[in-house]
Amino acid sequence: MAVRPALPQLRAALLTAYGLPATALANRTDATDRALLEASQAPGVLVIDDVQRIAAPELDYLRLRRRHADDTDLARAVRRKC
């Protein structure tokens, strides 16, 4: 990935990291975000090296994605208990 990637580059890199078709989804923001959210639900670890190269807006995107995934996990756990 480039130094200081823009959000489209970051999305494309995440798609590639999750083994998803980056070329098919890269220009479709909603579809990309849905695919990344679904992929992040699977067990596993995503490691981002050199995070200092990522600008604040892209870091916020990563944080929001993770928070949304956590909220989804929490909602599922609550539904199971009810």
N, C-alpha and C. Protein backbone atom coordinates (compact mmCIF):
# COMPACT_ATOMS: atom_id res chain seq x y z
N MET A 1 0.84 -1.16 0.00
CA MET A 1 0.00 0.00 0.00
C MET A 1 0.90 1.24 0.00
N ALA A 2 0.40 2.28 -0.59
CA ALA A 2 1.15 3.53 -0.67
C ALA A 2 1.28 4.18 0.71
N VAL A 3 2.27 5.05 0.84
CA VAL A 3 2.39 5.85 2.05
C VAL A 3 1.23 6.84 2.07
N ARG A 4 0.58 6.99 3.23
CA ARG A 4 -0.57 7.89 3.39
C ARG A 4 -1.66 7.55 2.37
N PRO A 5 -2.17 6.32 2.38
CA PRO A 5 -3.17 5.94 1.39
C PRO A 5 -4.47 6.71 1.58
N ALA A 6 -5.14 7.01 0.48
CA ALA A 6 -6.47 7.60 0.54
C ALA A 6 -7.45 6.48 0.84
N LEU A 7 -8.66 6.84 1.19
CA LEU A 7 -9.66 5.86 1.58
C LEU A 7 -9.90 4.79 0.51
N PRO A 8 -10.00 5.13 -0.77
CA PRO A 8 -10.18 4.08 -1.78
C PRO A 8 -9.03 3.07 -1.80
N GLN A 9 -7.79 3.56 -1.62
CA GLN A 9 -6.65 2.65 -1.57
C GLN A 9 -6.71 1.76 -0.33
N LEU A 10 -7.12 2.33 0.79
CA LEU A 10 -7.24 1.56 2.02
C LEU A 10 -8.31 0.48 1.87
N ARG A 11 -9.46 0.86 1.31
CA ARG A 11 -10.52 -0.14 1.08
C ARG A 11 -10.01 -1.27 0.18
N ALA A 12 -9.32 -0.91 -0.90
CA ALA A 12 -8.80 -1.92 -1.82
C ALA A 12 -7.80 -2.84 -1.11
N ALA A 13 -6.94 -2.28 -0.27
CA ALA A 13 -5.98 -3.09 0.48
C ALA A 13 -6.69 -4.03 1.45
N LEU A 14 -7.75 -3.54 2.11
CA LEU A 14 -8.51 -4.39 3.03
C LEU A 14 -9.21 -5.51 2.27
N LEU A 15 -9.79 -5.18 1.13
CA LEU A 15 -10.43 -6.22 0.31
C LEU A 15 -9.43 -7.31 -0.04
N THR A 16 -8.25 -6.90 -0.46
CA THR A 16 -7.20 -7.86 -0.81
C THR A 16 -6.80 -8.68 0.41
N ALA A 17 -6.65 -8.03 1.56
CA ALA A 17 -6.25 -8.73 2.79
C ALA A 17 -7.28 -9.79 3.18
N TYR A 18 -8.55 -9.50 2.95
CA TYR A 18 -9.60 -10.46 3.28
C TYR A 18 -9.86 -11.46 2.15
N GLY A 19 -9.11 -11.34 1.05
CA GLY A 19 -9.28 -12.28 -0.06
C GLY A 19 -10.54 -12.02 -0.87
N LEU A 20 -11.00 -10.78 -0.87
CA LEU A 20 -12.20 -10.41 -1.62
C LEU A 20 -11.81 -9.78 -2.95
N PRO A 21 -12.72 -9.77 -3.92
CA PRO A 21 -12.39 -9.24 -5.24
C PRO A 21 -12.28 -7.71 -5.25
N ALA A 22 -11.09 -7.21 -5.07
CA ALA A 22 -10.87 -5.76 -4.96
C ALA A 22 -11.29 -5.03 -6.23
N THR A 23 -11.03 -5.59 -7.39
CA THR A 23 -11.35 -4.89 -8.63
C THR A 23 -12.85 -4.77 -8.83
N ALA A 24 -13.62 -5.75 -8.40
CA ALA A 24 -15.07 -5.72 -8.59
C ALA A 24 -15.76 -4.78 -7.61
N LEU A 25 -15.19 -4.58 -6.44
CA LEU A 25 -15.86 -3.81 -5.40
C LEU A 25 -15.26 -2.43 -5.15
N ALA A 26 -14.06 -2.18 -5.60
CA ALA A 26 -13.32 -0.98 -5.21
C ALA A 26 -14.06 0.32 -5.50
N ASN A 27 -14.83 0.39 -6.55
CA ASN A 27 -15.51 1.64 -6.90
C ASN A 27 -16.95 1.69 -6.41
N ARG A 28 -17.38 0.71 -5.65
CA ARG A 28 -18.74 0.67 -5.12
C ARG A 28 -18.66 0.72 -3.60
N THR A 29 -18.71 1.92 -3.04
CA THR A 29 -18.44 2.15 -1.63
C THR A 29 -19.36 1.34 -0.72
N ASP A 30 -20.67 1.38 -0.94
CA ASP A 30 -21.60 0.66 -0.07
C ASP A 30 -21.35 -0.84 -0.12
N ALA A 31 -21.17 -1.37 -1.32
CA ALA A 31 -20.92 -2.80 -1.47
C ALA A 31 -19.60 -3.19 -0.81
N THR A 32 -18.60 -2.33 -0.97
CA THR A 32 -17.30 -2.59 -0.35
C THR A 32 -17.42 -2.62 1.16
N ASP A 33 -18.08 -1.62 1.73
CA ASP A 33 -18.22 -1.57 3.18
C ASP A 33 -19.01 -2.76 3.71
N ARG A 34 -20.05 -3.18 3.00
CA ARG A 34 -20.81 -4.37 3.43
C ARG A 34 -19.94 -5.62 3.38
N ALA A 35 -19.18 -5.76 2.29
CA ALA A 35 -18.31 -6.93 2.15
C ALA A 35 -17.24 -6.95 3.24
N LEU A 36 -16.67 -5.78 3.55
CA LEU A 36 -15.65 -5.72 4.60
C LEU A 36 -16.25 -6.00 5.96
N LEU A 37 -17.45 -5.52 6.21
CA LEU A 37 -18.11 -5.79 7.48
C LEU A 37 -18.37 -7.28 7.64
N GLU A 38 -18.88 -7.92 6.59
CA GLU A 38 -19.12 -9.36 6.65
C GLU A 38 -17.82 -10.13 6.84
N ALA A 39 -16.78 -9.72 6.14
CA ALA A 39 -15.49 -10.40 6.27
C ALA A 39 -14.91 -10.25 7.67
N SER A 40 -15.14 -9.11 8.29
CA SER A 40 -14.58 -8.89 9.63
C SER A 40 -15.34 -9.67 10.70
N GLN A 41 -16.49 -10.24 10.36
CA GLN A 41 -17.24 -11.05 11.30
C GLN A 41 -16.62 -12.44 11.47
N ALA A 42 -15.88 -12.89 10.48
CA ALA A 42 -15.26 -14.21 10.55
C ALA A 42 -14.12 -14.17 11.56
N PRO A 43 -13.89 -15.30 12.24
CA PRO A 43 -12.77 -15.34 13.19
C PRO A 43 -11.45 -15.09 12.47
N GLY A 44 -10.57 -14.39 13.12
CA GLY A 44 -9.27 -14.13 12.53
C GLY A 44 -8.69 -12.84 13.07
N VAL A 45 -7.52 -12.52 12.59
CA VAL A 45 -6.81 -11.33 13.03
C VAL A 45 -6.35 -10.57 11.78
N LEU A 46 -6.56 -9.28 11.81
CA LEU A 46 -6.06 -8.42 10.75
C LEU A 46 -4.97 -7.55 11.37
N VAL A 47 -3.76 -7.64 10.82
CA VAL A 47 -2.63 -6.87 11.34
C VAL A 47 -2.32 -5.76 10.34
N ILE A 48 -2.23 -4.55 10.85
CA ILE A 48 -1.88 -3.41 10.01
C ILE A 48 -0.53 -2.91 10.49
N ASP A 49 0.47 -3.10 9.65
CA ASP A 49 1.83 -2.68 9.98
C ASP A 49 2.03 -1.24 9.52
N ASP A 50 2.91 -0.53 10.15
CA ASP A 50 3.21 0.86 9.80
C ASP A 50 1.97 1.74 9.85
N VAL A 51 1.19 1.60 10.89
CA VAL A 51 -0.05 2.36 11.01
C VAL A 51 0.22 3.87 11.03
N GLN A 52 1.42 4.27 11.37
CA GLN A 52 1.73 5.69 11.38
C GLN A 52 1.68 6.29 9.97
N ARG A 53 1.68 5.46 8.95
CA ARG A 53 1.59 5.93 7.57
C ARG A 53 0.15 6.26 7.16
N ILE A 54 -0.80 5.91 7.98
CA ILE A 54 -2.21 6.11 7.64
C ILE A 54 -2.68 7.42 8.25
N ALA A 55 -3.31 8.25 7.45
CA ALA A 55 -3.79 9.57 7.89
C ALA A 55 -5.01 9.42 8.80
N ALA A 56 -5.30 10.47 9.53
CA ALA A 56 -6.38 10.45 10.52
C ALA A 56 -7.74 10.05 9.94
N PRO A 57 -8.18 10.56 8.79
CA PRO A 57 -9.50 10.16 8.28
C PRO A 57 -9.59 8.65 8.00
N GLU A 58 -8.50 8.09 7.49
CA GLU A 58 -8.51 6.66 7.20
C GLU A 58 -8.45 5.84 8.49
N LEU A 59 -7.73 6.34 9.50
CA LEU A 59 -7.73 5.66 10.80
C LEU A 59 -9.13 5.69 11.42
N ASP A 60 -9.81 6.82 11.27
CA ASP A 60 -11.19 6.90 11.77
C ASP A 60 -12.08 5.89 11.06
N TYR A 61 -11.89 5.72 9.76
CA TYR A 61 -12.66 4.72 9.01
C TYR A 61 -12.43 3.33 9.61
N LEU A 62 -11.17 2.99 9.88
CA LEU A 62 -10.86 1.69 10.47
C LEU A 62 -11.50 1.54 11.86
N ARG A 63 -11.43 2.59 12.66
CA ARG A 63 -12.04 2.55 14.00
C ARG A 63 -13.54 2.36 13.92
N LEU A 64 -14.18 3.12 13.04
CA LEU A 64 -15.63 3.01 12.90
C LEU A 64 -16.04 1.64 12.39
N ARG A 65 -15.28 1.09 11.46
CA ARG A 65 -15.57 -0.27 10.98
C ARG A 65 -15.48 -1.27 12.11
N ARG A 66 -14.46 -1.15 12.91
CA ARG A 66 -14.28 -2.09 14.02
C ARG A 66 -15.38 -1.90 15.06
N ARG A 67 -15.70 -0.65 15.36
CA ARG A 67 -16.75 -0.39 16.34
C ARG A 67 -18.08 -0.94 15.85
N HIS A 68 -18.36 -0.75 14.56
CA HIS A 68 -19.61 -1.26 14.01
C HIS A 68 -19.63 -2.79 14.09
N ALA A 69 -18.51 -3.42 13.80
CA ALA A 69 -18.44 -4.88 13.91
C ALA A 69 -18.64 -5.32 15.35
N ASP A 70 -18.05 -4.59 16.30
CA ASP A 70 -18.24 -4.91 17.71
C ASP A 70 -19.70 -4.74 18.11
N ASP A 71 -20.34 -3.66 17.66
CA ASP A 71 -21.75 -3.44 17.96
C ASP A 71 -22.61 -4.56 17.39
N THR A 72 -22.27 -5.02 16.20
CA THR A 72 -23.02 -6.12 15.59
C THR A 72 -22.83 -7.39 16.40
N ASP A 73 -21.60 -7.66 16.84
CA ASP A 73 -21.33 -8.82 17.68
C ASP A 73 -22.12 -8.73 18.99
N LEU A 74 -22.13 -7.54 19.57
CA LEU A 74 -22.85 -7.33 20.83
C LEU A 74 -24.35 -7.55 20.62
N ALA A 75 -24.90 -7.01 19.56
CA ALA A 75 -26.33 -7.18 19.29
C ALA A 75 -26.67 -8.65 19.11
N ARG A 76 -25.82 -9.39 18.43
CA ARG A 76 -26.05 -10.83 18.24
C ARG A 76 -26.01 -11.56 19.58
N ALA A 77 -25.06 -11.21 20.43
CA ALA A 77 -24.95 -11.86 21.74
C ALA A 77 -26.18 -11.57 22.59
N VAL A 78 -26.66 -10.34 22.55
CA VAL A 78 -27.84 -9.97 23.32
C VAL A 78 -29.06 -10.75 22.83
N ARG A 79 -29.20 -10.86 21.51
CA ARG A 79 -30.33 -11.61 20.96
C ARG A 79 -30.28 -13.07 21.38
N ARG A 80 -29.08 -13.66 21.44
CA ARG A 80 -28.97 -15.05 21.85
C ARG A 80 -29.40 -15.26 23.29
N LYS A 81 -29.11 -14.27 24.16
CA LYS A 81 -29.46 -14.40 25.57
C LYS A 81 -30.94 -14.23 25.81
N CYS A 82 -31.63 -13.52 24.93
CA CYS A 82 -33.06 -13.25 25.14
C CYS A 82 -33.92 -14.41 24.72
